[in-house]
Every structure is written in structure tokens, then in C-alpha cells.
């Protein structure tokens, strides 16, 4: 299957682009790690597939309007 065909079929099936879906999955993983571990933000960024902690922070704030550290404080153990 060509990349173009895959991209078109992916969007038809999921209603999302591949990159938007992947970002959502990475953010969901980061949320889970923030809530359930004591790992530093740098490690969480790596485990969730972000290139750097700065990238995680930027995407996290864009999506949730809260920093990863504030998310951890707010939702830890919830």
C-alpha cells in the first residue's frame, strides 16, 4: 500500500491524521506516567516518544492548558 493510500484510509477509518493520532497517543501515555510514576519529566518525555522534555511540555500545554508538573500535582493518585 502506498503512503498516500494508507494516509487516506487512516483518515477515513479514524477521522484523524496519522500525526494527530500519534500525538494523542503520546500525550495519553505521558498523562498515565505522570499520574502513576515518580519518573522525572525528561524520562517521561522519552518513554512517551517525545524528542525532548521541552517538546513534551509544549505539546502538553497546547493540548491541556496545564504543564506536566502541574498535571502531576493535580491528578496524582486520582
Foldseek 3Di string as FASTA:
>chain_A
DDPVVVQVVCCVVPVDGPVVVLLVQLLVQLLVCLQEHPDDLQVSCVVSPHPGSVRNQVSNCVVPVDGSNVSSVVRHPD
